Amino acid sequence: MSSLPSKHPNHIDYVEFPAESPAAIAKVKAFYGAAFSWTYKDWGDSYVDTESSGISSGFAAHSDRSPAPLVVIYSDDLVAARERIVKAGGTITKDIFAFPGGKRFHFTDPSGNELAVWSET
């Protein structure tokens, strides 16, 4: 997910912004391209990574998620991170799944904020 050269375990690594549909992604790409000269890497028509936004980020057209931006934390051990989150009182909202570039899962913290953790393996 991240285009940064080195990843730091347990650090925020990525922000995923929601979009209503693939058509909305096309519009948001045009908007940020015109407003800030951002460029993108497309992963099909329902997901794009920003390549020049400063922090690694992307836009996703998913109907099964909160409409809020999703903060994504990098981990070098996804299973151990999941176990620590559950033990600390977090709730897994989407269990470990694969995506192009690695695997991730989603969780909520005790205040109800949804975040995700990802790993390359």
PDB file of N, CA and C in Angstrom:
ATOM      1  N   MET A   1       0.803  -1.185   0.000  1.00  0.00           N
ATOM      2  CA  MET A   1       0.000   0.000   0.000  1.00  0.00           C
ATOM      3  C   MET A   1       0.851   1.255   0.000  1.00  0.00           C
ATOM      4  N   SER A   2       1.899   1.285   0.731  1.00  0.00           N
ATOM      5  CA  SER A   2       2.663   2.507   0.877  1.00  0.00           C
ATOM      6  C   SER A   2       3.731   2.627  -0.197  1.00  0.00           C
ATOM      7  N   SER A   3       3.938   3.840  -0.674  1.00  0.00           N
ATOM      8  CA  SER A   3       5.013   4.070  -1.622  1.00  0.00           C
ATOM      9  C   SER A   3       6.267   4.582  -0.929  1.00  0.00           C
ATOM     10  N   LEU A   4       6.269   4.656   0.389  1.00  0.00           N
ATOM     11  CA  LEU A   4       7.442   5.103   1.129  1.00  0.00           C
ATOM     12  C   LEU A   4       8.526   4.043   1.059  1.00  0.00           C
ATOM     13  N   PRO A   5       9.802   4.443   0.984  1.00  0.00           N
ATOM     14  CA  PRO A   5      10.875   3.471   0.830  1.00  0.00           C
ATOM     15  C   PRO A   5      11.053   2.545   2.021  1.00  0.00           C
ATOM     16  N   SER A   6      10.847   3.016   3.238  1.00  0.00           N
ATOM     17  CA  SER A   6      10.983   2.141   4.398  1.00  0.00           C
ATOM     18  C   SER A   6       9.720   2.228   5.239  1.00  0.00           C
ATOM     19  N   LYS A   7       9.271   1.103   5.710  1.00  0.00           N
ATOM     20  CA  LYS A   7       8.061   1.036   6.518  1.00  0.00           C
ATOM     21  C   LYS A   7       8.462   0.887   7.975  1.00  0.00           C
ATOM     22  N   HIS A   8       7.693   1.484   8.843  1.00  0.00           N
ATOM     23  CA  HIS A   8       7.979   1.432  10.264  1.00  0.00           C
ATOM     24  C   HIS A   8       6.847   0.688  10.969  1.00  0.00           C
ATOM     25  N   PRO A   9       7.124  -0.490  11.522  1.00  0.00           N
ATOM     26  CA  PRO A   9       6.073  -1.233  12.219  1.00  0.00           C
ATOM     27  C   PRO A   9       5.388  -0.388  13.287  1.00  0.00           C
ATOM     28  N   ASN A  10       4.088  -0.534  13.353  1.00  0.00           N
ATOM     29  CA  ASN A  10       3.229   0.120  14.340  1.00  0.00           C
ATOM     30  C   ASN A  10       3.085   1.623  14.117  1.00  0.00           C
ATOM     31  N   HIS A  11       3.458   2.126  12.940  1.00  0.00           N
ATOM     32  CA  HIS A  11       3.279   3.534  12.593  1.00  0.00           C
ATOM     33  C   HIS A  11       2.162   3.673  11.565  1.00  0.00           C
ATOM     34  N   ILE A  12       1.475   4.813  11.599  1.00  0.00           N
ATOM     35  CA  ILE A  12       0.495   5.106  10.560  1.00  0.00           C
ATOM     36  C   ILE A  12       1.242   5.193   9.240  1.00  0.00           C
ATOM     37  N   ASP A  13       0.737   4.470   8.241  1.00  0.00           N
ATOM     38  CA  ASP A  13       1.438   4.324   6.978  1.00  0.00           C
ATOM     39  C   ASP A  13       0.617   4.807   5.783  1.00  0.00           C
ATOM     40  N   TYR A  14      -0.710   4.927   5.949  1.00  0.00           N
ATOM     41  CA  TYR A  14      -1.569   5.116   4.780  1.00  0.00           C
ATOM     42  C   TYR A  14      -2.908   5.663   5.239  1.00  0.00           C
ATOM     43  N   VAL A  15      -3.543   6.452   4.400  1.00  0.00           N
ATOM     44  CA  VAL A  15      -4.913   6.905   4.649  1.00  0.00           C
ATOM     45  C   VAL A  15      -5.739   6.566   3.418  1.00  0.00           C
ATOM     46  N   GLU A  16      -6.827   5.850   3.628  1.00  0.00           N
ATOM     47  CA  GLU A  16      -7.719   5.458   2.539  1.00  0.00           C
ATOM     48  C   GLU A  16      -9.001   6.274   2.635  1.00  0.00           C
ATOM     49  N   PHE A  17      -9.303   7.014   1.578  1.00  0.00           N
ATOM     50  CA  PHE A  17     -10.505   7.835   1.535  1.00  0.00           C
ATOM     51  C   PHE A  17     -11.607   7.100   0.781  1.00  0.00           C
ATOM     52  N   PRO A  18     -12.841   7.211   1.250  1.00  0.00           N
ATOM     53  CA  PRO A  18     -13.939   6.540   0.560  1.00  0.00           C
ATOM     54  C   PRO A  18     -14.397   7.319  -0.680  1.00  0.00           C
ATOM     55  N   ALA A  19     -14.955   6.597  -1.608  1.00  0.00           N
ATOM     56  CA  ALA A  19     -15.621   7.158  -2.781  1.00  0.00           C
ATOM     57  C   ALA A  19     -16.881   6.332  -2.999  1.00  0.00           C
ATOM     58  N   GLU A  20     -17.922   6.945  -3.481  1.00  0.00           N
ATOM     59  CA  GLU A  20     -19.209   6.251  -3.616  1.00  0.00           C
ATOM     60  C   GLU A  20     -19.220   5.189  -4.702  1.00  0.00           C
ATOM     61  N   SER A  21     -18.384   5.375  -5.736  1.00  0.00           N
ATOM     62  CA  SER A  21     -18.437   4.487  -6.892  1.00  0.00           C
ATOM     63  C   SER A  21     -17.179   4.685  -7.736  1.00  0.00           C
ATOM     64  N   PRO A  22     -16.961   3.811  -8.717  1.00  0.00           N
ATOM     65  CA  PRO A  22     -15.848   4.044  -9.638  1.00  0.00           C
ATOM     66  C   PRO A  22     -15.966   5.400 -10.351  1.00  0.00           C
ATOM     67  N   ALA A  23     -17.191   5.826 -10.673  1.00  0.00           N
ATOM     68  CA  ALA A  23     -17.363   7.138 -11.305  1.00  0.00           C
ATOM     69  C   ALA A  23     -16.917   8.256 -10.358  1.00  0.00           C
ATOM     70  N   ALA A  24     -17.188   8.100  -9.063  1.00  0.00           N
ATOM     71  CA  ALA A  24     -16.758   9.091  -8.076  1.00  0.00           C
ATOM     72  C   ALA A  24     -15.234   9.123  -7.979  1.00  0.00           C
ATOM     73  N   ILE A  25     -14.580   7.968  -8.109  1.00  0.00           N
ATOM     74  CA  ILE A  25     -13.119   7.932  -8.089  1.00  0.00           C
ATOM     75  C   ILE A  25     -12.567   8.720  -9.271  1.00  0.00           C
ATOM     76  N   ALA A  26     -13.153   8.558 -10.439  1.00  0.00           N
ATOM     77  CA  ALA A  26     -12.701   9.313 -11.609  1.00  0.00           C
ATOM     78  C   ALA A  26     -12.823  10.815 -11.351  1.00  0.00           C
ATOM     79  N   LYS A  27     -13.909  11.244 -10.726  1.00  0.00           N
ATOM     80  CA  LYS A  27     -14.112  12.664 -10.434  1.00  0.00           C
ATOM     81  C   LYS A  27     -13.111  13.168  -9.397  1.00  0.00           C
ATOM     82  N   VAL A  28     -12.867  12.375  -8.348  1.00  0.00           N
ATOM     83  CA  VAL A  28     -11.943  12.810  -7.305  1.00  0.00           C
ATOM     84  C   VAL A  28     -10.513  12.854  -7.847  1.00  0.00           C
ATOM     85  N   LYS A  29     -10.155  11.922  -8.739  1.00  0.00           N
ATOM     86  CA  LYS A  29      -8.842  11.969  -9.372  1.00  0.00           C
ATOM     87  C   LYS A  29      -8.688  13.256 -10.177  1.00  0.00           C
ATOM     88  N   ALA A  30      -9.705  13.610 -10.925  1.00  0.00           N
ATOM     89  CA  ALA A  30      -9.657  14.843 -11.721  1.00  0.00           C
ATOM     90  C   ALA A  30      -9.554  16.063 -10.810  1.00  0.00           C
ATOM     91  N   PHE A  31     -10.321  16.068  -9.728  1.00  0.00           N
ATOM     92  CA  PHE A  31     -10.309  17.196  -8.795  1.00  0.00           C
ATOM     93  C   PHE A  31      -8.931  17.403  -8.186  1.00  0.00           C
ATOM     94  N   TYR A  32      -8.378  16.364  -7.531  1.00  0.00           N
ATOM     95  CA  TYR A  32      -7.092  16.517  -6.864  1.00  0.00           C
ATOM     96  C   TYR A  32      -5.946  16.686  -7.863  1.00  0.00           C
ATOM     97  N   GLY A  33      -6.095  16.110  -9.044  1.00  0.00           N
ATOM     98  CA  GLY A  33      -5.101  16.335 -10.090  1.00  0.00           C
ATOM     99  C   GLY A  33      -5.054  17.800 -10.492  1.00  0.00           C
ATOM    100  N   ALA A  34      -6.234  18.410 -10.672  1.00  0.00           N
ATOM    101  CA  ALA A  34      -6.301  19.822 -11.057  1.00  0.00           C
ATOM    102  C   ALA A  34      -5.912  20.741  -9.898  1.00  0.00           C
ATOM    103  N   ALA A  35      -6.352  20.409  -8.689  1.00  0.00           N
ATOM    104  CA  ALA A  35      -6.118  21.293  -7.545  1.00  0.00           C
ATOM    105  C   ALA A  35      -4.691  21.207  -7.008  1.00  0.00           C
ATOM    106  N   PHE A  36      -4.091  19.998  -6.999  1.00  0.00           N
ATOM    107  CA  PHE A  36      -2.785  19.811  -6.370  1.00  0.00           C
ATOM    108  C   PHE A  36      -1.770  19.076  -7.243  1.00  0.00           C
ATOM    109  N   SER A  37      -2.128  18.771  -8.473  1.00  0.00           N
ATOM    110  CA  SER A  37      -1.246  18.046  -9.408  1.00  0.00           C
ATOM    111  C   SER A  37      -0.912  16.636  -8.942  1.00  0.00           C
ATOM    112  N   TRP A  38      -1.803  16.030  -8.163  1.00  0.00           N
ATOM    113  CA  TRP A  38      -1.566  14.652  -7.729  1.00  0.00           C
ATOM    114  C   TRP A  38      -1.668  13.708  -8.918  1.00  0.00           C
ATOM    115  N   THR A  39      -0.856  12.648  -8.882  1.00  0.00           N
ATOM    116  CA  THR A  39      -0.926  11.580  -9.871  1.00  0.00           C
ATOM    117  C   THR A  39      -1.319  10.300  -9.144  1.00  0.00           C
ATOM    118  N   TYR A  40      -1.668   9.262  -9.904  1.00  0.00           N
ATOM    119  CA  TYR A  40      -2.264   8.060  -9.305  1.00  0.00           C
ATOM    120  C   TYR A  40      -1.727   6.788  -9.924  1.00  0.00           C
ATOM    121  N   LYS A  41      -1.828   5.707  -9.160  1.00  0.00           N
ATOM    122  CA  LYS A  41      -1.636   4.349  -9.671  1.00  0.00           C
ATOM    123  C   LYS A  41      -2.983   3.666  -9.546  1.00  0.00           C
ATOM    124  N   ASP A  42      -3.538   3.243 -10.665  1.00  0.00           N
ATOM    125  CA  ASP A  42      -4.851   2.592 -10.677  1.00  0.00           C
ATOM    126  C   ASP A  42      -4.721   1.107 -10.377  1.00  0.00           C
ATOM    127  N   TRP A  43      -5.629   0.611  -9.558  1.00  0.00           N
ATOM    128  CA  TRP A  43      -5.753  -0.819  -9.251  1.00  0.00           C
ATOM    129  C   TRP A  43      -7.160  -1.233  -9.672  1.00  0.00           C
ATOM    130  N   GLY A  44      -7.449  -1.169 -10.941  1.00  0.00           N
ATOM    131  CA  GLY A  44      -8.805  -1.385 -11.429  1.00  0.00           C
ATOM    132  C   GLY A  44      -9.562  -0.064 -11.367  1.00  0.00           C
ATOM    133  N   ASP A  45     -10.877  -0.126 -11.546  1.00  0.00           N
ATOM    134  CA  ASP A  45     -11.647   1.120 -11.562  1.00  0.00           C
ATOM    135  C   ASP A  45     -12.224   1.488 -10.199  1.00  0.00           C
ATOM    136  N   SER A  46     -12.006   0.643  -9.181  1.00  0.00           N
ATOM    137  CA  SER A  46     -12.581   0.949  -7.869  1.00  0.00           C
ATOM    138  C   SER A  46     -11.541   1.235  -6.792  1.00  0.00           C
ATOM    139  N   TYR A  47     -10.254   1.355  -7.177  1.00  0.00           N
ATOM    140  CA  TYR A  47      -9.217   1.681  -6.192  1.00  0.00           C
ATOM    141  C   TYR A  47      -8.047   2.354  -6.884  1.00  0.00           C
ATOM    142  N   VAL A  48      -7.570   3.466  -6.291  1.00  0.00           N
ATOM    143  CA  VAL A  48      -6.373   4.143  -6.786  1.00  0.00           C
ATOM    144  C   VAL A  48      -5.512   4.572  -5.609  1.00  0.00           C
ATOM    145  N   ASP A  49      -4.200   4.492  -5.801  1.00  0.00           N
ATOM    146  CA  ASP A  49      -3.238   5.040  -4.844  1.00  0.00           C
ATOM    147  C   ASP A  49      -2.797   6.403  -5.358  1.00  0.00           C
ATOM    148  N   THR A  50      -2.629   7.364  -4.454  1.00  0.00           N
ATOM    149  CA  THR A  50      -2.005   8.614  -4.846  1.00  0.00           C
ATOM    150  C   THR A  50      -0.506   8.377  -4.917  1.00  0.00           C
ATOM    151  N   GLU A  51       0.150   9.008  -5.854  1.00  0.00           N
ATOM    152  CA  GLU A  51       1.591   8.835  -5.988  1.00  0.00           C
ATOM    153  C   GLU A  51       2.363  10.099  -5.631  1.00  0.00           C
ATOM    154  N   SER A  52       1.671  11.198  -5.438  1.00  0.00           N
ATOM    155  CA  SER A  52       2.385  12.455  -5.204  1.00  0.00           C
ATOM    156  C   SER A  52       1.655  13.346  -4.199  1.00  0.00           C
ATOM    157  N   SER A  53       0.994  12.727  -3.221  1.00  0.00           N
ATOM    158  CA  SER A  53       0.201  13.497  -2.265  1.00  0.00           C
ATOM    159  C   SER A  53       0.943  13.800  -0.969  1.00  0.00           C
ATOM    160  N   GLY A  54       2.176  13.357  -0.838  1.00  0.00           N
ATOM    161  CA  GLY A  54       2.960  13.611   0.372  1.00  0.00           C
ATOM    162  C   GLY A  54       2.924  12.446   1.327  1.00  0.00           C
ATOM    163  N   ILE A  55       1.762  12.023   1.745  1.00  0.00           N
ATOM    164  CA  ILE A  55       1.602  10.824   2.563  1.00  0.00           C
ATOM    165  C   ILE A  55       0.939   9.784   1.669  1.00  0.00           C
ATOM    166  N   SER A  56       1.274   8.544   1.850  1.00  0.00           N
ATOM    167  CA  SER A  56       0.662   7.496   1.044  1.00  0.00           C
ATOM    168  C   SER A  56      -0.830   7.451   1.336  1.00  0.00           C
ATOM    169  N   SER A  57      -1.615   7.476   0.270  1.00  0.00           N
ATOM    170  CA  SER A  57      -3.066   7.471   0.432  1.00  0.00           C
ATOM    171  C   SER A  57      -3.710   6.952  -0.831  1.00  0.00           C
ATOM    172  N   GLY A  58      -5.007   6.717  -0.744  1.00  0.00           N
ATOM    173  CA  GLY A  58      -5.742   6.238  -1.897  1.00  0.00           C
ATOM    174  C   GLY A  58      -7.226   6.491  -1.744  1.00  0.00           C
ATOM    175  N   PHE A  59      -7.956   6.171  -2.801  1.00  0.00           N
ATOM    176  CA  PHE A  59      -9.411   6.297  -2.819  1.00  0.00           C
ATOM    177  C   PHE A  59     -10.004   4.945  -3.185  1.00  0.00           C
ATOM    178  N   ALA A  60     -11.033   4.535  -2.430  1.00  0.00           N
ATOM    179  CA  ALA A  60     -11.646   3.220  -2.622  1.00  0.00           C
ATOM    180  C   ALA A  60     -13.148   3.342  -2.743  1.00  0.00           C
ATOM    181  N   ALA A  61     -13.703   2.650  -3.722  1.00  0.00           N
ATOM    182  CA  ALA A  61     -15.153   2.568  -3.882  1.00  0.00           C
ATOM    183  C   ALA A  61     -15.617   1.257  -3.258  1.00  0.00           C
ATOM    184  N   HIS A  62     -15.992   1.319  -1.974  1.00  0.00           N
ATOM    185  CA  HIS A  62     -16.462   0.141  -1.245  1.00  0.00           C
ATOM    186  C   HIS A  62     -17.760   0.494  -0.540  1.00  0.00           C
ATOM    187  N   SER A  63     -18.756  -0.335  -0.689  1.00  0.00           N
ATOM    188  CA  SER A  63     -20.040  -0.062  -0.032  1.00  0.00           C
ATOM    189  C   SER A  63     -20.127  -0.701   1.353  1.00  0.00           C
ATOM    190  N   ASP A  64     -19.148  -1.521   1.724  1.00  0.00           N
ATOM    191  CA  ASP A  64     -19.217  -2.262   2.985  1.00  0.00           C
ATOM    192  C   ASP A  64     -18.402  -1.607   4.092  1.00  0.00           C
ATOM    193  N   ARG A  65     -18.149  -0.319   3.993  1.00  0.00           N
ATOM    194  CA  ARG A  65     -17.287   0.377   4.934  1.00  0.00           C
ATOM    195  C   ARG A  65     -17.888   1.688   5.373  1.00  0.00           C
ATOM    196  N   SER A  66     -17.407   2.183   6.477  1.00  0.00           N
ATOM    197  CA  SER A  66     -17.780   3.503   6.966  1.00  0.00           C
ATOM    198  C   SER A  66     -17.424   4.560   5.925  1.00  0.00           C
ATOM    199  N   PRO A  67     -18.210   5.628   5.859  1.00  0.00           N
ATOM    200  CA  PRO A  67     -17.882   6.694   4.903  1.00  0.00           C
ATOM    201  C   PRO A  67     -16.733   7.596   5.365  1.00  0.00           C
ATOM    202  N   ALA A  68     -16.139   7.311   6.512  1.00  0.00           N
ATOM    203  CA  ALA A  68     -15.028   8.116   7.022  1.00  0.00           C
ATOM    204  C   ALA A  68     -13.706   7.633   6.432  1.00  0.00           C
ATOM    205  N   PRO A  69     -12.692   8.506   6.353  1.00  0.00           N
ATOM    206  CA  PRO A  69     -11.369   8.048   5.935  1.00  0.00           C
ATOM    207  C   PRO A  69     -10.865   6.942   6.858  1.00  0.00           C
ATOM    208  N   LEU A  70     -10.107   6.025   6.302  1.00  0.00           N
ATOM    209  CA  LEU A  70      -9.576   4.885   7.047  1.00  0.00           C
ATOM    210  C   LEU A  70      -8.080   5.054   7.225  1.00  0.00           C
ATOM    211  N   VAL A  71      -7.634   5.177   8.467  1.00  0.00           N
ATOM    212  CA  VAL A  71      -6.214   5.253   8.783  1.00  0.00           C
ATOM    213  C   VAL A  71      -5.677   3.827   8.828  1.00  0.00           C
ATOM    214  N   VAL A  72      -4.542   3.602   8.157  1.00  0.00           N
ATOM    215  CA  VAL A  72      -3.976   2.258   8.055  1.00  0.00           C
ATOM    216  C   VAL A  72      -2.580   2.251   8.684  1.00  0.00           C
ATOM    217  N   ILE A  73      -2.359   1.302   9.583  1.00  0.00           N
ATOM    218  CA  ILE A  73      -1.107   1.148  10.316  1.00  0.00           C
ATOM    219  C   ILE A  73      -0.337  -0.020   9.712  1.00  0.00           C
ATOM    220  N   TYR A  74       0.959   0.131   9.561  1.00  0.00           N
ATOM    221  CA  TYR A  74       1.791  -0.954   9.040  1.00  0.00           C
ATOM    222  C   TYR A  74       2.245  -1.862  10.171  1.00  0.00           C
ATOM    223  N   SER A  75       2.305  -3.168   9.902  1.00  0.00           N
ATOM    224  CA  SER A  75       2.830  -4.140  10.860  1.00  0.00           C
ATOM    225  C   SER A  75       3.704  -5.137  10.127  1.00  0.00           C
ATOM    226  N   ASP A  76       4.762  -5.583  10.773  1.00  0.00           N
ATOM    227  CA  ASP A  76       5.579  -6.641  10.177  1.00  0.00           C
ATOM    228  C   ASP A  76       5.102  -8.021  10.620  1.00  0.00           C
ATOM    229  N   ASP A  77       4.072  -8.078  11.479  1.00  0.00           N
ATOM    230  CA  ASP A  77       3.475  -9.345  11.919  1.00  0.00           C
ATOM    231  C   ASP A  77       1.979  -9.123  12.115  1.00  0.00           C
ATOM    232  N   LEU A  78       1.225  -9.364  11.071  1.00  0.00           N
ATOM    233  CA  LEU A  78      -0.209  -9.073  11.061  1.00  0.00           C
ATOM    234  C   LEU A  78      -0.976  -9.874  12.102  1.00  0.00           C
ATOM    235  N   VAL A  79      -0.666 -11.142  12.248  1.00  0.00           N
ATOM    236  CA  VAL A  79      -1.377 -11.995  13.202  1.00  0.00           C
ATOM    237  C   VAL A  79      -1.117 -11.521  14.637  1.00  0.00           C
ATOM    238  N   ALA A  80       0.126 -11.201  14.952  1.00  0.00           N
ATOM    239  CA  ALA A  80       0.453 -10.715  16.299  1.00  0.00           C
ATOM    240  C   ALA A  80      -0.235  -9.378  16.566  1.00  0.00           C
ATOM    241  N   ALA A  81      -0.279  -8.496  15.568  1.00  0.00           N
ATOM    242  CA  ALA A  81      -0.959  -7.206  15.743  1.00  0.00           C
ATOM    243  C   ALA A  81      -2.441  -7.422  16.010  1.00  0.00           C
ATOM    244  N   ARG A  82      -3.055  -8.345  15.290  1.00  0.00           N
ATOM    245  CA  ARG A  82      -4.475  -8.655  15.501  1.00  0.00           C
ATOM    246  C   ARG A  82      -4.704  -9.133  16.934  1.00  0.00           C
ATOM    247  N   GLU A  83      -3.843 -10.034  17.393  1.00  0.00           N
ATOM    248  CA  GLU A  83      -3.977 -10.568  18.751  1.00  0.00           C
ATOM    249  C   GLU A  83      -3.834  -9.464  19.806  1.00  0.00           C
ATOM    250  N   ARG A  84      -2.871  -8.559  19.614  1.00  0.00           N
ATOM    251  CA  ARG A  84      -2.671  -7.453  20.559  1.00  0.00           C
ATOM    252  C   ARG A  84      -3.891  -6.525  20.592  1.00  0.00           C
ATOM    253  N   ILE A  85      -4.475  -6.268  19.432  1.00  0.00           N
ATOM    254  CA  ILE A  85      -5.644  -5.388  19.360  1.00  0.00           C
ATOM    255  C   ILE A  85      -6.824  -6.001  20.107  1.00  0.00           C
ATOM    256  N   VAL A  86      -7.076  -7.272  19.888  1.00  0.00           N
ATOM    257  CA  VAL A  86      -8.174  -7.952  20.590  1.00  0.00           C
ATOM    258  C   VAL A  86      -7.917  -7.958  22.096  1.00  0.00           C
ATOM    259  N   LYS A  87      -6.691  -8.294  22.505  1.00  0.00           N
ATOM    260  CA  LYS A  87      -6.347  -8.344  23.926  1.00  0.00           C
ATOM    261  C   LYS A  87      -6.491  -6.970  24.585  1.00  0.00           C
ATOM    262  N   ALA A  88      -6.212  -5.899  23.831  1.00  0.00           N
ATOM    263  CA  ALA A  88      -6.303  -4.544  24.373  1.00  0.00           C
ATOM    264  C   ALA A  88      -7.737  -4.012  24.405  1.00  0.00           C
ATOM    265  N   GLY A  89      -8.692  -4.768  23.819  1.00  0.00           N
ATOM    266  CA  GLY A  89     -10.093  -4.341  23.855  1.00  0.00           C
ATOM    267  C   GLY A  89     -10.650  -3.853  22.540  1.00  0.00           C
ATOM    268  N   GLY A  90      -9.895  -3.992  21.457  1.00  0.00           N
ATOM    269  CA  GLY A  90     -10.406  -3.626  20.140  1.00  0.00           C
ATOM    270  C   GLY A  90     -11.333  -4.700  19.596  1.00  0.00           C
ATOM    271  N   THR A  91     -12.128  -4.340  18.615  1.00  0.00           N
ATOM    272  CA  THR A  91     -13.064  -5.268  17.976  1.00  0.00           C
ATOM    273  C   THR A  91     -12.706  -5.412  16.503  1.00  0.00           C
ATOM    274  N   ILE A  92     -12.504  -6.635  16.056  1.00  0.00           N
ATOM    275  CA  ILE A  92     -12.201  -6.886  14.644  1.00  0.00           C
ATOM    276  C   ILE A  92     -13.502  -6.731  13.857  1.00  0.00           C
ATOM    277  N   THR A  93     -13.482  -5.843  12.868  1.00  0.00           N
ATOM    278  CA  THR A  93     -14.674  -5.611  12.055  1.00  0.00           C
ATOM    279  C   THR A  93     -14.574  -6.258  10.678  1.00  0.00           C
ATOM    280  N   LYS A  94     -13.366  -6.519  10.216  1.00  0.00           N
ATOM    281  CA  LYS A  94     -13.140  -7.227   8.947  1.00  0.00           C
ATOM    282  C   LYS A  94     -11.850  -8.007   9.125  1.00  0.00           C
ATOM    283  N   ASP A  95     -11.971  -9.337   9.143  1.00  0.00           N
ATOM    284  CA  ASP A  95     -10.810 -10.170   9.440  1.00  0.00           C
ATOM    285  C   ASP A  95      -9.788 -10.116   8.309  1.00  0.00           C
ATOM    286  N   ILE A  96      -8.643 -10.708   8.542  1.00  0.00           N
ATOM    287  CA  ILE A  96      -7.514 -10.660   7.613  1.00  0.00           C
ATOM    288  C   ILE A  96      -7.948 -11.107   6.217  1.00  0.00           C
ATOM    289  N   PHE A  97      -7.594 -10.276   5.229  1.00  0.00           N
ATOM    290  CA  PHE A  97      -7.895 -10.585   3.826  1.00  0.00           C
ATOM    291  C   PHE A  97      -6.736 -10.104   2.968  1.00  0.00           C
ATOM    292  N   ALA A  98      -6.614 -10.689   1.794  1.00  0.00           N
ATOM    293  CA  ALA A  98      -5.553 -10.333   0.858  1.00  0.00           C
ATOM    294  C   ALA A  98      -6.022  -9.227  -0.069  1.00  0.00           C
ATOM    295  N   PHE A  99      -5.080  -8.411  -0.512  1.00  0.00           N
ATOM    296  CA  PHE A  99      -5.317  -7.394  -1.529  1.00  0.00           C
ATOM    297  C   PHE A  99      -4.015  -7.257  -2.311  1.00  0.00           C
ATOM    298  N   PRO A 100      -4.036  -6.626  -3.472  1.00  0.00           N
ATOM    299  CA  PRO A 100      -2.776  -6.464  -4.209  1.00  0.00           C
ATOM    300  C   PRO A 100      -1.761  -5.691  -3.360  1.00  0.00           C
ATOM    301  N   GLY A 101      -0.678  -6.331  -3.003  1.00  0.00           N
ATOM    302  CA  GLY A 101       0.344  -5.688  -2.187  1.00  0.00           C
ATOM    303  C   GLY A 101       0.490  -6.267  -0.804  1.00  0.00           C
ATOM    304  N   GLY A 102      -0.454  -7.099  -0.355  1.00  0.00           N
ATOM    305  CA  GLY A 102      -0.330  -7.680   0.975  1.00  0.00           C
ATOM    306  C   GLY A 102      -1.628  -8.178   1.557  1.00  0.00           C
ATOM    307  N   LYS A 103      -1.731  -8.060   2.881  1.00  0.00           N
ATOM    308  CA  LYS A 103      -2.928  -8.473   3.617  1.00  0.00           C
ATOM    309  C   LYS A 103      -3.244  -7.390   4.634  1.00  0.00           C
ATOM    310  N   ARG A 104      -4.514  -7.333   5.060  1.00  0.00           N
ATOM    311  CA  ARG A 104      -4.890  -6.384   6.103  1.00  0.00           C
ATOM    312  C   ARG A 104      -6.145  -6.844   6.808  1.00  0.00           C
ATOM    313  N   PHE A 105      -6.441  -6.184   7.926  1.00  0.00           N
ATOM    314  CA  PHE A 105      -7.708  -6.371   8.629  1.00  0.00           C
ATOM    315  C   PHE A 105      -8.138  -5.023   9.175  1.00  0.00           C
ATOM    316  N   HIS A 106      -9.431  -4.915   9.515  1.00  0.00           N
ATOM    317  CA  HIS A 106      -9.981  -3.682  10.073  1.00  0.00           C
ATOM    318  C   HIS A 106     -10.419  -3.940  11.512  1.00  0.00           C
ATOM    319  N   PHE A 107     -10.376  -2.892  12.322  1.00  0.00           N
ATOM    320  CA  PHE A 107     -10.816  -3.003  13.712  1.00  0.00           C
ATOM    321  C   PHE A 107     -11.380  -1.665  14.168  1.00  0.00           C
ATOM    322  N   THR A 108     -12.121  -1.705  15.274  1.00  0.00           N
ATOM    323  CA  THR A 108     -12.533  -0.474  15.937  1.00  0.00           C
ATOM    324  C   THR A 108     -11.872  -0.425  17.307  1.00  0.00           C
ATOM    325  N   ASP A 109     -11.547   0.808  17.712  1.00  0.00           N
ATOM    326  CA  ASP A 109     -10.983   1.022  19.039  1.00  0.00           C
ATOM    327  C   ASP A 109     -12.135   1.213  20.035  1.00  0.00           C
ATOM    328  N   PRO A 110     -11.858   1.360  21.326  1.00  0.00           N
ATOM    329  CA  PRO A 110     -12.940   1.508  22.300  1.00  0.00           C
ATOM    330  C   PRO A 110     -13.845   2.732  22.079  1.00  0.00           C
ATOM    331  N   SER A 111     -13.392   3.716  21.303  1.00  0.00           N
ATOM    332  CA  SER A 111     -14.235   4.877  21.000  1.00  0.00           C
ATOM    333  C   SER A 111     -15.037   4.706  19.721  1.00  0.00           C
ATOM    334  N   GLY A 112     -14.859   3.568  19.040  1.00  0.00           N
ATOM    335  CA  GLY A 112     -15.610   3.301  17.818  1.00  0.00           C
ATOM    336  C   GLY A 112     -14.931   3.752  16.540  1.00  0.00           C
ATOM    337  N   ASN A 113     -13.694   4.252  16.618  1.00  0.00           N
ATOM    338  CA  ASN A 113     -12.953   4.642  15.420  1.00  0.00           C
ATOM    339  C   ASN A 113     -12.511   3.404  14.663  1.00  0.00           C
ATOM    340  N   GLU A 114     -12.765   3.373  13.361  1.00  0.00           N
ATOM    341  CA  GLU A 114     -12.322   2.238  12.546  1.00  0.00           C
ATOM    342  C   GLU A 114     -10.952   2.556  11.940  1.00  0.00           C
ATOM    343  N   LEU A 115     -10.028   1.619  12.106  1.00  0.00           N
ATOM    344  CA  LEU A 115      -8.698   1.688  11.524  1.00  0.00           C
ATOM    345  C   LEU A 115      -8.400   0.342  10.881  1.00  0.00           C
ATOM    346  N   ALA A 116      -7.263   0.246  10.226  1.00  0.00           N
ATOM    347  CA  ALA A 116      -6.843  -1.020   9.624  1.00  0.00           C
ATOM    348  C   ALA A 116      -5.357  -1.223   9.916  1.00  0.00           C
ATOM    349  N   VAL A 117      -4.930  -2.471   9.828  1.00  0.00           N
ATOM    350  CA  VAL A 117      -3.523  -2.830   9.940  1.00  0.00           C
ATOM    351  C   VAL A 117      -3.184  -3.642   8.703  1.00  0.00           C
ATOM    352  N   TRP A 118      -2.035  -3.359   8.088  1.00  0.00           N
ATOM    353  CA  TRP A 118      -1.640  -4.101   6.895  1.00  0.00           C
ATOM    354  C   TRP A 118      -0.207  -4.596   7.019  1.00  0.00           C
ATOM    355  N   SER A 119       0.103  -5.603   6.214  1.00  0.00           N
ATOM    356  CA  SER A 119       1.438  -6.170   6.126  1.00  0.00           C
ATOM    357  C   SER A 119       1.660  -6.648   4.700  1.00  0.00           C
ATOM    358  N   GLU A 120       2.900  -6.702   4.304  1.00  0.00           N
ATOM    359  CA  GLU A 120       3.210  -7.179   2.948  1.00  0.00           C
ATOM    360  C   GLU A 120       3.040  -8.689   2.824  1.00  0.00           C
ATOM    361  N   THR A 121       3.067  -9.418   3.962  1.00  0.00           N
ATOM    362  CA  THR A 121       2.937 -10.885   3.904  1.00  0.00           C
ATOM    363  C   THR A 121       1.768 -11.357   4.739  1.00  0.00           C
TER     364      THR A 121
END
